[in-house]
N, C-alpha and C. Protein backbone atom coordinates (compact mmCIF):
# COMPACT_ATOMS: atom_id res chain seq x y z
N MET A 1 -76.47 12.22 -8.03
CA MET A 1 -75.48 12.59 -7.44
C MET A 1 -75.08 12.16 -6.10
N LEU A 2 -75.63 11.48 -5.61
CA LEU A 2 -75.13 10.89 -3.89
C LEU A 2 -74.90 9.36 -5.14
N ASP A 3 -74.60 8.50 -5.68
CA ASP A 3 -74.20 7.73 -7.13
C ASP A 3 -72.76 8.07 -6.49
N TYR A 4 -72.58 9.52 -7.14
CA TYR A 4 -70.42 9.68 -6.66
C TYR A 4 -70.26 10.01 -5.45
N LEU A 5 -70.48 9.59 -4.66
CA LEU A 5 -70.63 9.84 -3.00
C LEU A 5 -69.35 9.26 -2.52
N PRO A 6 -69.67 7.75 -2.88
CA PRO A 6 -68.54 7.13 -2.54
C PRO A 6 -67.16 6.84 -3.21
N VAL A 7 -67.36 7.16 -4.66
CA VAL A 7 -65.74 7.37 -5.24
C VAL A 7 -65.55 8.48 -5.04
N LEU A 8 -66.31 9.47 -4.47
CA LEU A 8 -64.87 10.61 -4.16
C LEU A 8 -64.60 11.10 -2.66
N SER A 9 -65.28 10.06 -1.59
CA SER A 9 -65.04 9.36 -0.12
C SER A 9 -63.72 8.84 -0.72
N LEU A 10 -63.66 7.92 -1.08
CA LEU A 10 -62.34 7.26 -1.78
C LEU A 10 -61.67 7.73 -2.07
N PHE A 11 -61.77 8.12 -3.49
CA PHE A 11 -60.63 9.58 -4.17
C PHE A 11 -60.19 10.74 -2.99
N ILE A 12 -60.74 11.20 -2.20
CA ILE A 12 -60.32 11.75 -0.78
C ILE A 12 -59.79 11.02 0.19
N SER A 13 -59.81 9.71 0.68
CA SER A 13 -59.04 8.73 1.56
C SER A 13 -57.64 8.39 0.87
N VAL A 14 -58.15 8.54 -0.37
CA VAL A 14 -55.99 8.13 -1.00
C VAL A 14 -55.35 8.65 -0.96
N ALA A 15 -55.55 9.86 -1.77
CA ALA A 15 -55.42 11.24 -1.59
C ALA A 15 -54.51 11.50 -0.29
N SER A 16 -55.51 11.68 0.96
CA SER A 16 -55.04 11.48 1.94
C SER A 16 -53.91 10.35 2.37
N ILE A 17 -53.55 9.72 2.06
CA ILE A 17 -52.91 8.44 2.46
C ILE A 17 -51.74 8.63 1.50
N ILE A 18 -51.41 8.97 0.31
CA ILE A 18 -50.89 9.32 -0.45
C ILE A 18 -49.84 10.64 0.19
N LEU A 19 -50.35 11.71 0.51
CA LEU A 19 -50.14 12.84 1.47
C LEU A 19 -49.48 12.50 2.73
N ALA A 20 -49.77 11.85 3.44
CA ALA A 20 -49.34 11.19 4.64
C ALA A 20 -47.97 10.62 4.73
N TYR A 21 -48.18 9.06 3.35
CA TYR A 21 -46.87 8.70 3.57
C TYR A 21 -45.53 10.04 2.87
N VAL A 22 -46.38 10.35 1.88
CA VAL A 22 -45.06 11.28 1.41
C VAL A 22 -44.05 12.15 2.40
N SER A 23 -45.45 13.05 3.52
CA SER A 23 -45.04 13.74 4.40
C SER A 23 -44.15 12.72 5.73
N PHE A 24 -44.15 11.78 6.21
CA PHE A 24 -43.70 10.74 7.12
C PHE A 24 -42.16 10.18 6.05
N LYS A 25 -42.31 10.31 4.78
CA LYS A 25 -40.49 10.09 3.98
C LYS A 25 -39.95 11.69 4.57
N ARG A 26 -40.08 12.27 4.26
CA ARG A 26 -39.84 13.72 3.91
C ARG A 26 -39.40 14.04 5.81
N THR A 27 -40.23 13.62 6.79
CA THR A 27 -39.83 14.07 7.43
C THR A 27 -39.16 13.01 8.20
N LYS A 28 -38.85 12.38 8.05
CA LYS A 28 -37.78 10.91 8.51
C LYS A 28 -36.14 11.30 7.83
N VAL A 29 -36.52 11.76 6.57
CA VAL A 29 -34.89 12.02 6.05
C VAL A 29 -34.35 13.76 6.88
N PHE A 30 -35.10 13.99 7.21
CA PHE A 30 -34.23 15.47 7.99
C PHE A 30 -34.62 14.88 9.54
N GLN A 31 -35.22 13.67 10.14
CA GLN A 31 -34.41 13.07 11.12
C GLN A 31 -33.63 12.33 11.35
N GLU A 32 -33.39 12.30 9.81
CA GLU A 32 -31.67 11.19 10.19
C GLU A 32 -30.79 12.25 10.43
N HIS A 33 -30.60 13.32 8.76
CA HIS A 33 -30.00 13.99 9.56
C HIS A 33 -29.74 14.99 10.17
N GLU A 34 -30.71 15.42 11.41
CA GLU A 34 -30.36 15.83 12.54
C GLU A 34 -30.20 15.13 13.91
N TYR A 35 -30.26 13.83 13.27
CA TYR A 35 -29.79 13.00 15.02
C TYR A 35 -28.41 12.28 14.24
N ALA A 36 -28.01 13.07 12.60
CA ALA A 36 -26.44 11.98 12.30
C ALA A 36 -25.58 12.32 12.86
N PRO A 37 -24.61 11.32 13.35
CA PRO A 37 -23.52 11.82 14.12
C PRO A 37 -22.61 12.86 13.61
N ARG A 38 -22.23 13.45 14.19
CA ARG A 38 -21.24 14.73 13.58
C ARG A 38 -20.30 14.63 14.14
N LEU A 39 -19.02 14.32 13.81
CA LEU A 39 -17.69 14.19 15.16
C LEU A 39 -16.43 14.92 14.02
N GLN A 40 -15.86 15.66 14.93
CA GLN A 40 -15.09 16.52 14.57
C GLN A 40 -13.36 16.12 14.83
N LEU A 41 -12.71 16.75 14.53
CA LEU A 41 -11.47 17.01 14.85
C LEU A 41 -10.68 18.16 15.09
N ILE A 42 -10.21 18.48 16.21
CA ILE A 42 -9.76 19.53 16.49
C ILE A 42 -8.56 19.89 16.80
N ASP A 43 -7.85 20.84 16.31
CA ASP A 43 -6.40 20.59 17.36
C ASP A 43 -5.09 19.72 16.90
N GLU A 44 -5.86 19.17 16.06
CA GLU A 44 -4.90 17.81 15.01
C GLU A 44 -4.05 18.14 14.86
N GLU A 45 -2.78 17.34 14.94
CA GLU A 45 -1.78 17.68 15.10
C GLU A 45 -0.88 16.58 14.76
N VAL A 46 0.32 16.41 13.76
CA VAL A 46 1.03 15.13 13.56
C VAL A 46 2.30 15.77 13.20
N VAL A 47 3.22 15.10 13.67
CA VAL A 47 4.22 15.56 13.76
C VAL A 47 5.36 14.13 13.63
N ALA A 48 5.44 13.59 12.34
CA ALA A 48 6.47 12.98 11.52
C ALA A 48 8.00 12.96 12.11
N GLY A 49 8.76 12.02 12.31
CA GLY A 49 9.96 11.54 13.34
C GLY A 49 11.08 11.49 12.14
N SER A 50 12.66 11.36 12.72
CA SER A 50 13.29 11.20 11.80
C SER A 50 14.22 9.44 11.69
N GLN A 51 14.32 9.22 10.99
CA GLN A 51 14.81 7.71 11.42
C GLN A 51 16.48 7.89 11.49
N GLY A 52 16.72 8.95 11.45
CA GLY A 52 18.22 9.35 11.77
C GLY A 52 18.27 9.64 13.64
N LEU A 53 16.89 9.86 13.96
CA LEU A 53 16.95 10.01 15.97
C LEU A 53 15.86 8.56 15.96
N PRO A 54 16.66 7.55 16.24
CA PRO A 54 15.74 6.93 16.65
C PRO A 54 15.03 6.95 18.50
N GLU A 55 15.67 7.36 18.87
CA GLU A 55 15.19 8.03 20.32
C GLU A 55 13.73 8.76 20.35
N ARG A 56 13.29 9.30 19.18
CA ARG A 56 11.68 10.04 19.28
C ARG A 56 11.41 9.87 18.25
N PRO A 57 9.66 9.25 18.96
CA PRO A 57 8.44 8.92 18.10
C PRO A 57 8.84 9.17 16.38
N ALA A 58 7.99 7.51 15.82
CA ALA A 58 7.82 7.85 14.05
C ALA A 58 7.23 8.57 13.81
N LEU A 59 6.49 8.49 14.52
CA LEU A 59 4.61 9.50 14.44
C LEU A 59 4.14 9.52 16.33
N ALA A 60 4.33 11.34 16.28
CA ALA A 60 3.55 11.66 17.50
C ALA A 60 1.62 12.58 17.12
N TYR A 61 0.86 11.42 17.28
CA TYR A 61 -0.16 12.08 17.20
C TYR A 61 -1.14 12.87 17.90
N SER A 62 -1.92 14.16 18.20
CA SER A 62 -2.34 14.45 19.03
C SER A 62 -3.59 15.06 18.25
N ALA A 63 -5.12 15.21 18.73
CA ALA A 63 -6.44 15.90 18.54
C ALA A 63 -6.97 15.70 19.58
N ASP A 64 -8.33 16.55 19.27
CA ASP A 64 -9.43 15.81 20.40
C ASP A 64 -10.65 15.83 19.32
N ILE A 65 -11.51 14.86 19.65
CA ILE A 65 -12.50 14.32 19.18
C ILE A 65 -13.85 15.45 19.83
N GLU A 66 -14.38 15.99 18.79
CA GLU A 66 -15.93 16.58 19.47
C GLU A 66 -16.82 16.18 19.20
N ASN A 67 -18.41 15.67 20.16
CA ASN A 67 -19.81 15.48 18.83
C ASN A 67 -20.32 16.83 19.27
N ARG A 68 -20.33 17.28 17.25
CA ARG A 68 -20.80 18.54 17.15
C ARG A 68 -22.59 18.03 16.85
N GLY A 69 -22.85 17.06 17.32
CA GLY A 69 -24.46 16.85 16.91
C GLY A 69 -25.56 17.08 17.79
N LEU A 70 -26.62 16.54 17.85
CA LEU A 70 -27.49 16.98 19.14
C LEU A 70 -27.79 16.40 20.09
N LYS A 71 -27.49 15.02 19.49
CA LYS A 71 -27.24 13.62 20.38
C LYS A 71 -26.48 12.79 21.27
N PRO A 72 -26.25 12.06 22.00
CA PRO A 72 -24.72 11.72 22.41
C PRO A 72 -24.41 10.78 21.25
N VAL A 73 -23.44 10.15 20.61
CA VAL A 73 -22.95 9.34 20.10
C VAL A 73 -21.59 8.20 20.69
N GLU A 74 -22.51 6.93 20.79
CA GLU A 74 -21.50 5.60 21.04
C GLU A 74 -20.18 5.41 19.51
N LEU A 75 -18.90 5.49 20.54
CA LEU A 75 -18.17 5.03 20.05
C LEU A 75 -17.67 3.50 20.01
N ALA A 76 -17.43 2.51 19.50
CA ALA A 76 -16.82 1.66 19.79
C ALA A 76 -15.87 1.48 19.97
N GLY A 77 -15.20 2.51 19.62
CA GLY A 77 -13.50 2.57 19.84
C GLY A 77 -12.70 3.71 19.05
N ILE A 78 -11.17 3.89 19.74
CA ILE A 78 -10.45 4.72 18.28
C ILE A 78 -9.31 3.96 18.24
N TRP A 79 -8.75 4.26 16.90
CA TRP A 79 -7.72 3.47 17.25
C TRP A 79 -6.33 3.82 16.02
N LEU A 80 -5.18 3.80 16.41
CA LEU A 80 -4.07 4.39 15.47
C LEU A 80 -3.49 3.21 15.19
N ASP A 81 -4.00 3.27 13.25
CA ASP A 81 -3.59 1.90 12.64
C ASP A 81 -2.45 1.84 11.97
N TYR A 82 -1.48 1.21 11.64
CA TYR A 82 -0.24 1.62 11.02
C TYR A 82 0.13 0.59 9.99
N GLY A 83 0.65 0.80 8.40
CA GLY A 83 1.34 -0.18 8.13
C GLY A 83 1.27 -0.05 6.39
N ALA A 84 0.70 -1.46 5.95
CA ALA A 84 0.37 -1.41 4.62
C ALA A 84 -0.63 0.12 4.06
N GLU A 85 -0.71 0.68 3.53
CA GLU A 85 -1.54 1.97 2.64
C GLU A 85 -2.37 1.29 2.05
N ASP A 86 -2.65 -0.09 1.45
CA ASP A 86 -3.30 0.09 0.08
C ASP A 86 -4.25 -1.72 0.35
N ASP A 87 -3.65 -2.73 1.88
CA ASP A 87 -3.90 -3.71 2.92
C ASP A 87 -4.24 -3.77 4.12
N ALA A 88 -5.75 -3.26 4.46
CA ALA A 88 -6.15 -3.25 6.29
C ALA A 88 -5.42 -4.56 7.27
N GLN A 89 -5.26 -5.49 6.48
CA GLN A 89 -4.85 -7.03 7.01
C GLN A 89 -2.86 -6.45 7.46
N LYS A 90 -2.19 -5.68 6.61
CA LYS A 90 -0.90 -5.90 6.99
C LYS A 90 -0.90 -4.73 7.99
N ARG A 91 -1.93 -4.16 8.69
CA ARG A 91 -1.42 -3.00 9.39
C ARG A 91 -1.31 -3.62 10.95
N MET A 92 -1.00 -2.78 11.93
CA MET A 92 -1.16 -2.68 13.28
C MET A 92 -2.44 -1.84 13.98
N LYS A 93 -2.64 -2.10 14.77
CA LYS A 93 -3.94 -1.55 15.20
C LYS A 93 -3.77 -1.20 16.53
N TYR A 94 -3.22 -0.03 17.13
CA TYR A 94 -2.83 0.33 18.43
C TYR A 94 -4.52 1.24 18.85
N SER A 95 -5.10 0.38 19.46
CA SER A 95 -5.87 1.01 20.06
C SER A 95 -5.90 2.66 21.50
N VAL A 96 -6.22 3.14 20.41
CA VAL A 96 -5.98 4.67 21.91
C VAL A 96 -7.26 4.73 23.10
N ALA A 97 -9.08 4.80 22.47
CA ALA A 97 -9.52 4.92 23.70
C ALA A 97 -10.52 3.62 23.30
N GLY A 98 -10.98 2.98 23.98
CA GLY A 98 -12.30 1.75 23.97
C GLY A 98 -13.62 2.63 24.00
N ALA A 99 -14.23 1.49 24.02
CA ALA A 99 -15.99 2.42 24.03
C ALA A 99 -16.78 3.29 25.03
N MET A 100 -16.94 4.65 24.21
CA MET A 100 -17.35 5.52 25.61
C MET A 100 -18.26 5.92 24.52
N TYR A 101 -19.28 6.87 25.37
CA TYR A 101 -20.22 8.26 24.96
C TYR A 101 -19.52 9.37 24.93
N LEU A 102 -19.90 9.97 23.87
CA LEU A 102 -19.51 11.54 23.59
C LEU A 102 -20.96 11.84 23.69
N GLY A 103 -21.05 12.78 24.56
CA GLY A 103 -22.70 13.69 24.67
C GLY A 103 -22.49 14.46 23.62
N ALA A 104 -23.51 15.77 23.53
CA ALA A 104 -23.16 16.86 22.81
C ALA A 104 -22.53 17.54 23.18
N GLY A 105 -21.82 18.35 21.95
CA GLY A 105 -20.43 19.12 22.50
C GLY A 105 -19.52 18.46 23.29
N GLN A 106 -19.38 17.70 23.70
CA GLN A 106 -18.23 16.96 24.30
C GLN A 106 -17.10 16.10 23.98
N LYS A 107 -16.21 16.67 23.95
CA LYS A 107 -14.44 16.57 23.71
C LYS A 107 -14.12 15.37 24.05
N HIS A 108 -12.91 14.44 23.47
CA HIS A 108 -12.11 13.40 24.00
C HIS A 108 -10.32 13.72 23.67
N LYS A 109 -10.24 13.42 24.38
CA LYS A 109 -8.70 13.79 24.12
C LYS A 109 -7.78 12.69 23.20
N ILE A 110 -6.92 12.66 22.20
CA ILE A 110 -6.42 11.65 21.96
C ILE A 110 -5.06 12.24 21.10
N ARG A 111 -4.00 11.34 21.93
CA ARG A 111 -2.72 11.41 22.47
C ARG A 111 -1.87 10.21 21.93
N LYS A 112 -1.22 9.99 20.97
CA LYS A 112 -0.18 8.62 20.70
C LYS A 112 0.63 8.65 20.21
N ALA A 113 1.89 8.02 20.15
CA ALA A 113 2.85 8.32 19.96
C ALA A 113 3.16 6.77 19.66
N VAL A 114 3.74 6.00 17.80
CA VAL A 114 4.49 5.23 17.55
C VAL A 114 5.96 5.19 17.56
N PHE A 115 6.65 4.37 18.50
CA PHE A 115 8.05 4.62 18.07
C PHE A 115 8.70 3.71 17.06
N TRP A 116 10.00 4.06 16.30
CA TRP A 116 10.63 3.49 15.32
C TRP A 116 10.86 2.03 15.53
N SER A 117 10.88 1.40 17.13
CA SER A 117 11.08 -0.51 16.93
C SER A 117 9.87 -0.91 17.23
N GLN A 118 8.75 -0.19 17.26
CA GLN A 118 7.12 -0.61 16.66
C GLN A 118 7.14 -0.56 15.56
N ILE A 119 7.81 0.08 14.32
CA ILE A 119 7.21 0.40 13.20
C ILE A 119 8.13 -0.92 12.39
N GLU A 120 9.95 -1.27 12.83
CA GLU A 120 10.53 -1.99 12.68
C GLU A 120 9.62 -3.80 12.53
N GLU A 121 9.20 -3.59 14.23
CA GLU A 121 8.56 -4.68 14.34
C GLU A 121 7.10 -4.98 13.87
N MET A 122 6.35 -3.97 13.08
CA MET A 122 5.31 -4.38 12.44
C MET A 122 5.97 -5.01 10.82
N LYS A 123 7.04 -4.31 10.33
CA LYS A 123 7.77 -4.53 9.11
C LYS A 123 8.29 -5.65 8.82
N ARG A 124 8.57 -6.56 10.08
CA ARG A 124 8.82 -7.78 9.57
C ARG A 124 7.96 -8.99 9.70
N ARG A 125 6.88 -8.26 10.86
CA ARG A 125 5.91 -8.81 10.69
C ARG A 125 5.20 -9.05 9.29
N TYR A 126 5.07 -7.75 8.85
CA TYR A 126 4.08 -8.36 7.16
C TYR A 126 5.01 -8.46 5.86
N GLY A 127 6.12 -8.40 6.41
CA GLY A 127 7.55 -8.41 5.02
C GLY A 127 7.03 -7.14 4.69
N ILE A 128 6.65 -5.61 4.88
CA ILE A 128 6.42 -4.65 4.15
C ILE A 128 7.70 -3.48 4.00
N GLU A 129 7.61 -2.40 3.31
CA GLU A 129 8.28 -1.27 3.79
C GLU A 129 8.20 -0.08 4.21
N GLN A 130 6.63 -0.03 3.59
CA GLN A 130 5.50 0.78 4.05
C GLN A 130 5.10 1.10 5.93
N ALA A 131 5.43 2.26 5.89
CA ALA A 131 4.70 2.27 7.25
C ALA A 131 3.94 3.82 7.00
N MET A 132 2.16 3.27 6.55
CA MET A 132 1.16 4.19 6.86
C MET A 132 0.62 4.30 7.90
N PHE A 133 0.18 5.75 8.38
CA PHE A 133 -0.91 5.48 9.45
C PHE A 133 -2.27 6.01 9.46
N PHE A 134 -2.88 5.74 9.63
CA PHE A 134 -4.17 6.06 9.84
C PHE A 134 -4.81 6.11 11.56
N LEU A 135 -6.34 6.99 11.06
CA LEU A 135 -6.88 7.32 12.58
C LEU A 135 -8.09 6.71 11.83
N ARG A 136 -9.02 5.30 12.92
CA ARG A 136 -9.63 5.16 12.83
C ARG A 136 -10.94 4.81 13.82
N VAL A 137 -11.93 5.55 13.42
CA VAL A 137 -12.74 5.49 14.49
C VAL A 137 -14.55 5.11 14.10
N ILE A 138 -15.26 3.98 14.94
CA ILE A 138 -16.18 3.36 14.99
C ILE A 138 -17.02 3.57 15.66
N TYR A 139 -18.36 4.16 15.00
CA TYR A 139 -19.42 4.66 15.53
C TYR A 139 -20.91 4.36 14.92
N GLN A 140 -21.72 4.04 16.70
CA GLN A 140 -23.43 3.69 16.20
C GLN A 140 -23.91 4.54 15.53
N VAL A 141 -24.82 4.77 14.30
CA VAL A 141 -25.78 5.68 13.69
C VAL A 141 -26.63 5.77 14.09
N PRO A 142 -27.83 6.56 14.03
CA PRO A 142 -29.20 6.28 14.58
C PRO A 142 -29.98 5.08 14.25
N ASN A 143 -29.47 4.39 13.16
CA ASN A 143 -30.52 3.53 12.69
C ASN A 143 -29.74 1.65 13.36
N GLY A 144 -28.97 2.11 14.43
CA GLY A 144 -28.52 1.24 15.11
C GLY A 144 -27.14 0.26 14.31
N ASN A 145 -26.82 1.32 13.26
CA ASN A 145 -25.67 0.25 12.38
C ASN A 145 -24.22 0.99 12.69
N ARG A 146 -23.16 -0.15 12.85
CA ARG A 146 -21.88 0.64 13.64
C ARG A 146 -21.14 1.21 11.31
N GLU A 147 -20.77 2.39 12.08
CA GLU A 147 -19.94 2.67 10.71
C GLU A 147 -18.55 2.99 11.13
N GLU A 148 -17.61 2.83 9.93
CA GLU A 148 -16.35 3.44 10.11
C GLU A 148 -15.38 4.35 9.81
N SER A 149 -15.02 5.23 9.77
CA SER A 149 -14.26 6.12 9.43
C SER A 149 -12.98 6.54 10.09
N ILE A 150 -12.02 6.02 8.46
CA ILE A 150 -10.87 6.06 8.48
C ILE A 150 -10.17 7.15 7.80
N ARG A 151 -8.93 8.02 8.82
CA ARG A 151 -8.54 9.07 7.94
C ARG A 151 -7.10 8.54 7.94
N GLN A 152 -6.19 9.22 6.90
CA GLN A 152 -4.81 9.09 7.09
C GLN A 152 -3.71 9.85 7.28
N LEU A 153 -2.75 10.01 7.56
CA LEU A 153 -2.45 10.43 8.47
C LEU A 153 -0.85 10.87 7.94
N GLY A 154 -0.64 9.55 6.97
CA GLY A 154 1.00 9.63 6.31
C GLY A 154 1.81 8.69 6.32
N GLY A 155 2.51 9.26 5.96
CA GLY A 155 3.74 7.90 6.98
C GLY A 155 4.58 8.10 6.56
N PHE A 156 5.47 6.49 6.30
CA PHE A 156 7.39 5.93 5.69
C PHE A 156 6.90 5.59 4.72
N ASP A 157 7.37 5.60 3.19
CA ASP A 157 7.30 4.71 2.40
C ASP A 157 9.16 4.30 1.49
N GLY A 158 9.93 3.46 2.47
CA GLY A 158 11.03 3.29 2.67
C GLY A 158 11.46 4.13 3.41
N THR A 159 12.61 5.09 2.61
CA THR A 159 13.18 6.29 3.25
C THR A 159 12.31 7.10 2.59
N THR A 160 10.95 7.53 2.61
CA THR A 160 10.93 8.83 1.90
C THR A 160 9.07 9.26 3.17
N THR A 161 9.21 10.34 3.81
CA THR A 161 8.29 10.12 4.07
C THR A 161 7.14 11.32 3.55
N VAL A 162 5.76 10.59 3.71
CA VAL A 162 4.37 10.78 3.02
C VAL A 162 4.11 11.92 4.19
N PHE A 163 3.41 13.02 3.59
CA PHE A 163 2.54 13.90 4.41
C PHE A 163 1.21 14.00 3.72
N VAL A 164 0.19 13.92 4.22
CA VAL A 164 -1.38 13.75 4.10
C VAL A 164 -1.86 15.53 3.77
N ALA A 165 -2.06 16.30 2.86
CA ALA A 165 -2.64 17.28 2.48
C ALA A 165 -4.36 17.79 3.11
N GLN A 166 -4.92 17.84 4.02
CA GLN A 166 -6.39 16.99 4.04
C GLN A 166 -7.33 18.61 4.18
N TYR A 167 -8.26 18.92 4.19
CA TYR A 167 -9.04 20.31 3.76
C TYR A 167 -10.32 20.04 5.41
N GLY A 168 -9.87 20.75 6.25
CA GLY A 168 -11.22 20.58 7.08
C GLY A 168 -10.54 19.76 8.20
N ASP A 169 -12.04 19.76 9.31
CA ASP A 169 -11.51 19.14 10.40
C ASP A 169 -13.02 18.12 10.45
N ARG A 170 -13.53 17.78 10.09
CA ARG A 170 -14.95 16.81 10.09
C ARG A 170 -14.01 15.56 10.03
N LEU A 171 -14.60 15.02 10.44
CA LEU A 171 -14.44 13.32 10.96
C LEU A 171 -15.87 12.57 9.86
N THR A 172 -16.91 12.60 10.50
CA THR A 172 -17.71 12.05 9.98
C THR A 172 -18.80 12.74 8.75
């Protein structure tokens, strides 16, 4: 009987190590989910202008970005990009807000307008007829990496106004 005691001890030790490893992996997944950034856009308003009224903005954008997560989120910046829909290299990148931290429950106002003269300059620079608008936010996730979230806002394709229907307030 005593001959089997070391084998039984080894079996119990291996089983407890496997159980501890599975428990660690499960807890890690839950922890990453709990501390994940939860940025949301609230009271978002996109107002598209008319080329017949050049003194008014081509696009006026306003929203509040809120951190609905449990931990502060480091934002590398917020940009309002405009240009080609399918080629990010043919977009003007307009900084709306620089690097900052948003605490849990904290909001930051975003207000920006792009005028027709800016769109005409962009069209000449890149040789395109599109002027699509995007809200771009770069933020840091708990593992230390930076992630980018891009939300299409609409725009102009030639003389046609393009609206984008989106469901919900969630950004990340």
